[in-house]
Amino acid sequence: LPGKQLAKMIEEKTVEIAPLAFMRGRT
């Protein structure tokens, strides 16, 4: 993904990167 597009997706949470411990309780 182009840098600017990726940054925007991360900001909008279209792309999420998180540690495994943060997944608890989510669907």
PDB file of all heavy atoms in Angstrom:
ATOM      1  N   LEU A   1       0.835  -1.195   0.000  1.00  0.00           N
ATOM      2  CA  LEU A   1       0.000   0.000   0.000  1.00  0.00           C
ATOM      3  C   LEU A   1       0.874   1.252   0.000  1.00  0.00           C
ATOM      4  O   LEU A   1       1.889   1.294   0.708  1.00  0.00           O
ATOM      5  CB  LEU A   1      -0.911   0.023   1.247  1.00  0.00           C
ATOM      6  CG  LEU A   1      -2.027  -1.023   1.301  1.00  0.00           C
ATOM      7  CD1 LEU A   1      -2.611  -1.100   2.707  1.00  0.00           C
ATOM      8  CD2 LEU A   1      -3.121  -0.709   0.288  1.00  0.00           C
ATOM      9  N   PRO A   2       0.495   2.286  -0.783  1.00  0.00           N
ATOM     10  CA  PRO A   2       1.250   3.548  -0.754  1.00  0.00           C
ATOM     11  C   PRO A   2       1.264   4.129   0.654  1.00  0.00           C
ATOM     12  O   PRO A   2       0.292   3.987   1.405  1.00  0.00           O
ATOM     13  CB  PRO A   2       0.460   4.441  -1.726  1.00  0.00           C
ATOM     14  CG  PRO A   2      -0.315   3.497  -2.588  1.00  0.00           C
ATOM     15  CD  PRO A   2      -0.635   2.319  -1.728  1.00  0.00           C
ATOM     16  N   GLY A   3       2.367   4.788   0.996  1.00  0.00           N
ATOM     17  CA  GLY A   3       2.564   5.289   2.355  1.00  0.00           C
ATOM     18  C   GLY A   3       1.438   6.162   2.884  1.00  0.00           C
ATOM     19  O   GLY A   3       0.937   5.959   3.996  1.00  0.00           O
ATOM     20  N   LYS A   4       1.007   7.147   2.083  1.00  0.00           N
ATOM     21  CA  LYS A   4      -0.042   8.062   2.542  1.00  0.00           C
ATOM     22  C   LYS A   4      -1.374   7.335   2.729  1.00  0.00           C
ATOM     23  O   LYS A   4      -2.111   7.594   3.681  1.00  0.00           O
ATOM     24  CB  LYS A   4      -0.208   9.215   1.546  1.00  0.00           C
ATOM     25  CG  LYS A   4       0.950  10.204   1.553  1.00  0.00           C
ATOM     26  CD  LYS A   4       0.699  11.371   0.606  1.00  0.00           C
ATOM     27  CE  LYS A   4       1.858  12.356   0.642  1.00  0.00           C
ATOM     28  NZ  LYS A   4       1.650  13.483  -0.311  1.00  0.00           N
ATOM     29  N   GLN A   5      -1.660   6.425   1.807  1.00  0.00           N
ATOM     30  CA  GLN A   5      -2.903   5.667   1.901  1.00  0.00           C
ATOM     31  C   GLN A   5      -2.885   4.764   3.132  1.00  0.00           C
ATOM     32  O   GLN A   5      -3.891   4.659   3.849  1.00  0.00           O
ATOM     33  CB  GLN A   5      -3.118   4.834   0.642  1.00  0.00           C
ATOM     34  CG  GLN A   5      -4.457   4.111   0.617  1.00  0.00           C
ATOM     35  CD  GLN A   5      -4.645   3.293  -0.651  1.00  0.00           C
ATOM     36  OE1 GLN A   5      -3.700   3.044  -1.390  1.00  0.00           O
ATOM     37  NE2 GLN A   5      -5.869   2.886  -0.905  1.00  0.00           N
ATOM     38  N   LEU A   6      -1.744   4.131   3.394  1.00  0.00           N
ATOM     39  CA  LEU A   6      -1.637   3.269   4.559  1.00  0.00           C
ATOM     40  C   LEU A   6      -1.787   4.079   5.844  1.00  0.00           C
ATOM     41  O   LEU A   6      -2.496   3.651   6.773  1.00  0.00           O
ATOM     42  CB  LEU A   6      -0.285   2.549   4.544  1.00  0.00           C
ATOM     43  CG  LEU A   6       0.031   1.671   5.765  1.00  0.00           C
ATOM     44  CD1 LEU A   6      -1.042   0.604   5.958  1.00  0.00           C
ATOM     45  CD2 LEU A   6       1.407   1.036   5.619  1.00  0.00           C
ATOM     46  N   ALA A   7      -1.151   5.254   5.905  1.00  0.00           N
ATOM     47  CA  ALA A   7      -1.255   6.098   7.104  1.00  0.00           C
ATOM     48  C   ALA A   7      -2.705   6.495   7.362  1.00  0.00           C
ATOM     49  O   ALA A   7      -3.179   6.484   8.516  1.00  0.00           O
ATOM     50  CB  ALA A   7      -0.383   7.340   6.941  1.00  0.00           C
ATOM     51  N   LYS A   8      -3.432   6.829   6.291  1.00  0.00           N
ATOM     52  CA  LYS A   8      -4.837   7.205   6.434  1.00  0.00           C
ATOM     53  C   LYS A   8      -5.681   6.017   6.905  1.00  0.00           C
ATOM     54  O   LYS A   8      -6.568   6.161   7.756  1.00  0.00           O
ATOM     55  CB  LYS A   8      -5.374   7.727   5.101  1.00  0.00           C
ATOM     56  CG  LYS A   8      -6.808   8.257   5.179  1.00  0.00           C
ATOM     57  CD  LYS A   8      -7.266   8.799   3.842  1.00  0.00           C
ATOM     58  CE  LYS A   8      -8.700   9.317   3.940  1.00  0.00           C
ATOM     59  NZ  LYS A   8      -9.209   9.793   2.632  1.00  0.00           N
ATOM     60  N   MET A   9      -5.389   4.826   6.350  1.00  0.00           N
ATOM     61  CA  MET A   9      -6.137   3.633   6.748  1.00  0.00           C
ATOM     62  C   MET A   9      -5.896   3.289   8.215  1.00  0.00           C
ATOM     63  O   MET A   9      -6.819   2.868   8.921  1.00  0.00           O
ATOM     64  CB  MET A   9      -5.724   2.445   5.866  1.00  0.00           C
ATOM     65  CG  MET A   9      -6.281   2.489   4.459  1.00  0.00           C
ATOM     66  SD  MET A   9      -5.732   1.060   3.491  1.00  0.00           S
ATOM     67  CE  MET A   9      -6.788   1.209   2.051  1.00  0.00           C
ATOM     68  N   ILE A  10      -4.650   3.469   8.675  1.00  0.00           N
ATOM     69  CA  ILE A  10      -4.338   3.201  10.078  1.00  0.00           C
ATOM     70  C   ILE A  10      -5.047   4.212  10.970  1.00  0.00           C
ATOM     71  O   ILE A  10      -5.610   3.873  12.021  1.00  0.00           O
ATOM     72  CB  ILE A  10      -2.818   3.218  10.308  1.00  0.00           C
ATOM     73  CG1 ILE A  10      -2.172   2.009   9.613  1.00  0.00           C
ATOM     74  CG2 ILE A  10      -2.483   3.218  11.789  1.00  0.00           C
ATOM     75  CD1 ILE A  10      -0.660   1.997   9.650  1.00  0.00           C
ATOM     76  N   GLU A  11      -5.059   5.483  10.539  1.00  0.00           N
ATOM     77  CA  GLU A  11      -5.732   6.535  11.309  1.00  0.00           C
ATOM     78  C   GLU A  11      -7.235   6.263  11.421  1.00  0.00           C
ATOM     79  O   GLU A  11      -7.849   6.477  12.464  1.00  0.00           O
ATOM     80  CB  GLU A  11      -5.491   7.892  10.637  1.00  0.00           C
ATOM     81  CG  GLU A  11      -6.051   9.065  11.409  1.00  0.00           C
ATOM     82  CD  GLU A  11      -5.795  10.397  10.702  1.00  0.00           C
ATOM     83  OE1 GLU A  11      -4.990  10.417   9.753  1.00  0.00           O
ATOM     84  OE2 GLU A  11      -6.413  11.391  11.103  1.00  0.00           O
ATOM     85  N   GLU A  12      -7.827   5.765  10.315  1.00  0.00           N
ATOM     86  CA  GLU A  12      -9.268   5.492  10.305  1.00  0.00           C
ATOM     87  C   GLU A  12      -9.602   4.104  10.831  1.00  0.00           C
ATOM     88  O   GLU A  12     -10.765   3.703  10.853  1.00  0.00           O
ATOM     89  CB  GLU A  12      -9.793   5.628   8.868  1.00  0.00           C
ATOM     90  CG  GLU A  12      -9.678   7.041   8.301  1.00  0.00           C
ATOM     91  CD  GLU A  12     -10.040   7.106   6.828  1.00  0.00           C
ATOM     92  OE1 GLU A  12     -10.148   6.027   6.187  1.00  0.00           O
ATOM     93  OE2 GLU A  12     -10.216   8.226   6.317  1.00  0.00           O
ATOM     94  N   LYS A  13      -8.568   3.344  11.227  1.00  0.00           N
ATOM     95  CA  LYS A  13      -8.711   1.966  11.745  1.00  0.00           C
ATOM     96  C   LYS A  13      -9.277   0.999  10.707  1.00  0.00           C
ATOM     97  O   LYS A  13      -9.877  -0.017  11.052  1.00  0.00           O
ATOM     98  CB  LYS A  13      -9.545   1.952  13.032  1.00  0.00           C
ATOM     99  CG  LYS A  13      -8.861   2.657  14.191  1.00  0.00           C
ATOM    100  CD  LYS A  13      -9.528   2.341  15.504  1.00  0.00           C
ATOM    101  CE  LYS A  13      -8.803   3.010  16.670  1.00  0.00           C
ATOM    102  NZ  LYS A  13      -7.419   2.538  16.830  1.00  0.00           N
ATOM    103  N   THR A  14      -9.095   1.342   9.420  1.00  0.00           N
ATOM    104  CA  THR A  14      -9.377   0.364   8.369  1.00  0.00           C
ATOM    105  C   THR A  14      -8.307  -0.709   8.391  1.00  0.00           C
ATOM    106  O   THR A  14      -8.559  -1.866   8.059  1.00  0.00           O
ATOM    107  CB  THR A  14      -9.403   1.048   6.987  1.00  0.00           C
ATOM    108  OG1 THR A  14     -10.336   2.129   7.024  1.00  0.00           O
ATOM    109  CG2 THR A  14      -9.801   0.079   5.886  1.00  0.00           C
ATOM    110  N   VAL A  15      -7.094  -0.304   8.781  1.00  0.00           N
ATOM    111  CA  VAL A  15      -5.999  -1.238   9.024  1.00  0.00           C
ATOM    112  C   VAL A  15      -5.593  -1.089  10.483  1.00  0.00           C
ATOM    113  O   VAL A  15      -5.309   0.016  10.944  1.00  0.00           O
ATOM    114  CB  VAL A  15      -4.789  -0.961   8.108  1.00  0.00           C
ATOM    115  CG1 VAL A  15      -3.600  -1.818   8.519  1.00  0.00           C
ATOM    116  CG2 VAL A  15      -5.150  -1.225   6.657  1.00  0.00           C
ATOM    117  N   GLU A  16      -5.596  -2.208  11.204  1.00  0.00           N
ATOM    118  CA  GLU A  16      -5.265  -2.196  12.623  1.00  0.00           C
ATOM    119  C   GLU A  16      -4.105  -3.143  12.877  1.00  0.00           C
ATOM    120  O   GLU A  16      -4.100  -4.264  12.374  1.00  0.00           O
ATOM    121  CB  GLU A  16      -6.461  -2.694  13.431  1.00  0.00           C
ATOM    122  CG  GLU A  16      -7.072  -1.653  14.342  1.00  0.00           C
ATOM    123  CD  GLU A  16      -8.189  -2.258  15.180  1.00  0.00           C
ATOM    124  OE1 GLU A  16      -9.277  -2.459  14.632  1.00  0.00           O
ATOM    125  OE2 GLU A  16      -7.934  -2.541  16.373  1.00  0.00           O
ATOM    126  N   ILE A  17      -3.139  -2.697  13.658  1.00  0.00           N
ATOM    127  CA  ILE A  17      -2.034  -3.554  14.070  1.00  0.00           C
ATOM    128  C   ILE A  17      -1.970  -3.495  15.586  1.00  0.00           C
ATOM    129  O   ILE A  17      -1.795  -2.419  16.163  1.00  0.00           O
ATOM    130  CB  ILE A  17      -0.703  -3.092  13.452  1.00  0.00           C
ATOM    131  CG1 ILE A  17      -0.805  -3.095  11.917  1.00  0.00           C
ATOM    132  CG2 ILE A  17       0.438  -3.978  13.897  1.00  0.00           C
ATOM    133  CD1 ILE A  17       0.424  -2.586  11.216  1.00  0.00           C
ATOM    134  N   ALA A  18      -2.166  -4.643  16.238  1.00  0.00           N
ATOM    135  CA  ALA A  18      -2.275  -4.629  17.696  1.00  0.00           C
ATOM    136  C   ALA A  18      -1.713  -5.908  18.290  1.00  0.00           C
ATOM    137  O   ALA A  18      -1.766  -6.971  17.667  1.00  0.00           O
ATOM    138  CB  ALA A  18      -3.739  -4.465  18.100  1.00  0.00           C
ATOM    139  N   PRO A  19      -1.178  -5.835  19.516  1.00  0.00           N
ATOM    140  CA  PRO A  19      -0.715  -7.049  20.198  1.00  0.00           C
ATOM    141  C   PRO A  19      -1.878  -8.008  20.459  1.00  0.00           C
ATOM    142  O   PRO A  19      -3.039  -7.591  20.575  1.00  0.00           O
ATOM    143  CB  PRO A  19      -0.139  -6.523  21.517  1.00  0.00           C
ATOM    144  CG  PRO A  19       0.096  -5.065  21.302  1.00  0.00           C
ATOM    145  CD  PRO A  19      -0.936  -4.623  20.318  1.00  0.00           C
ATOM    146  N   LEU A  20      -1.561  -9.272  20.571  1.00  0.00           N
ATOM    147  CA  LEU A  20      -2.579 -10.295  20.783  1.00  0.00           C
ATOM    148  C   LEU A  20      -3.418 -10.027  22.026  1.00  0.00           C
ATOM    149  O   LEU A  20      -4.635 -10.250  22.028  1.00  0.00           O
ATOM    150  CB  LEU A  20      -1.889 -11.664  20.890  1.00  0.00           C
ATOM    151  CG  LEU A  20      -2.758 -12.870  21.207  1.00  0.00           C
ATOM    152  CD1 LEU A  20      -3.860 -13.035  20.169  1.00  0.00           C
ATOM    153  CD2 LEU A  20      -1.912 -14.131  21.285  1.00  0.00           C
ATOM    154  N   ALA A  21      -2.800  -9.515  23.082  1.00  0.00           N
ATOM    155  CA  ALA A  21      -3.518  -9.271  24.335  1.00  0.00           C
ATOM    156  C   ALA A  21      -4.669  -8.280  24.160  1.00  0.00           C
ATOM    157  O   ALA A  21      -5.634  -8.288  24.930  1.00  0.00           O
ATOM    158  CB  ALA A  21      -2.544  -8.767  25.399  1.00  0.00           C
ATOM    159  N   PHE A  22      -4.592  -7.429  23.112  1.00  0.00           N
ATOM    160  CA  PHE A  22      -5.617  -6.415  22.895  1.00  0.00           C
ATOM    161  C   PHE A  22      -6.860  -6.980  22.201  1.00  0.00           C
ATOM    162  O   PHE A  22      -7.842  -6.264  21.997  1.00  0.00           O
ATOM    163  CB  PHE A  22      -5.067  -5.266  22.040  1.00  0.00           C
ATOM    164  CG  PHE A  22      -4.090  -4.375  22.766  1.00  0.00           C
ATOM    165  CD1 PHE A  22      -3.437  -4.794  23.917  1.00  0.00           C
ATOM    166  CD2 PHE A  22      -3.804  -3.107  22.286  1.00  0.00           C
ATOM    167  CE1 PHE A  22      -2.531  -3.983  24.576  1.00  0.00           C
ATOM    168  CE2 PHE A  22      -2.900  -2.278  22.936  1.00  0.00           C
ATOM    169  CZ  PHE A  22      -2.264  -2.727  24.090  1.00  0.00           C
ATOM    170  N   MET A  23      -6.822  -8.266  21.814  1.00  0.00           N
ATOM    171  CA  MET A  23      -7.942  -8.864  21.077  1.00  0.00           C
ATOM    172  C   MET A  23      -9.054  -9.365  21.994  1.00  0.00           C
ATOM    173  O   MET A  23     -10.164  -9.622  21.539  1.00  0.00           O
ATOM    174  CB  MET A  23      -7.447 -10.041  20.226  1.00  0.00           C
ATOM    175  CG  MET A  23      -6.478  -9.668  19.120  1.00  0.00           C
ATOM    176  SD  MET A  23      -7.237  -8.652  17.829  1.00  0.00           S
ATOM    177  CE  MET A  23      -6.445  -7.075  18.185  1.00  0.00           C
ATOM    178  N   ARG A  24      -8.777  -9.508  23.269  1.00  0.00           N
ATOM    179  CA  ARG A  24      -9.760 -10.087  24.186  1.00  0.00           C
ATOM    180  C   ARG A  24     -11.044  -9.253  24.219  1.00  0.00           C
ATOM    181  O   ARG A  24     -11.004  -8.027  24.261  1.00  0.00           O
ATOM    182  CB  ARG A  24      -9.175 -10.190  25.605  1.00  0.00           C
ATOM    183  CG  ARG A  24     -10.068 -10.951  26.579  1.00  0.00           C
ATOM    184  CD  ARG A  24      -9.368 -11.174  27.901  1.00  0.00           C
ATOM    185  NE  ARG A  24      -8.194 -12.038  27.776  1.00  0.00           N
ATOM    186  CZ  ARG A  24      -8.250 -13.351  27.724  1.00  0.00           C
ATOM    187  NH1 ARG A  24      -9.425 -13.976  27.750  1.00  0.00           N
ATOM    188  NH2 ARG A  24      -7.144 -14.052  27.606  1.00  0.00           N
ATOM    189  N   GLY A  25     -12.175  -9.934  24.167  1.00  0.00           N
ATOM    190  CA  GLY A  25     -13.471  -9.271  24.277  1.00  0.00           C
ATOM    191  C   GLY A  25     -14.021  -8.737  22.974  1.00  0.00           C
ATOM    192  O   GLY A  25     -15.164  -8.269  22.935  1.00  0.00           O
ATOM    193  N   ARG A  26     -13.257  -8.821  21.889  1.00  0.00           N
ATOM    194  CA  ARG A  26     -13.717  -8.275  20.618  1.00  0.00           C
ATOM    195  C   ARG A  26     -14.370  -9.357  19.758  1.00  0.00           C
ATOM    196  O   ARG A  26     -14.077 -10.541  19.898  1.00  0.00           O
ATOM    197  CB  ARG A  26     -12.547  -7.671  19.840  1.00  0.00           C
ATOM    198  CG  ARG A  26     -11.845  -6.551  20.559  1.00  0.00           C
ATOM    199  CD  ARG A  26     -10.742  -5.957  19.696  1.00  0.00           C
ATOM    200  NE  ARG A  26     -11.245  -5.344  18.487  1.00  0.00           N
ATOM    201  CZ  ARG A  26     -10.483  -4.781  17.565  1.00  0.00           C
ATOM    202  NH1 ARG A  26      -9.174  -4.772  17.705  1.00  0.00           N
ATOM    203  NH2 ARG A  26     -11.004  -4.239  16.484  1.00  0.00           N
ATOM    204  N   THR A  27     -15.264  -8.942  18.868  1.00  0.00           N
ATOM    205  CA  THR A  27     -15.773  -9.807  17.810  1.00  0.00           C
ATOM    206  C   THR A  27     -15.356  -9.176  16.496  1.00  0.00           C
ATOM    207  O   THR A  27     -15.724  -8.028  16.209  1.00  0.00           O
ATOM    208  CB  THR A  27     -17.309  -9.942  17.871  1.00  0.00           C
ATOM    209  OG1 THR A  27     -17.673 -10.500  19.132  1.00  0.00           O
ATOM    210  CG2 THR A  27     -17.816 -10.844  16.751  1.00  0.00           C
TER     211      THR A  27
END
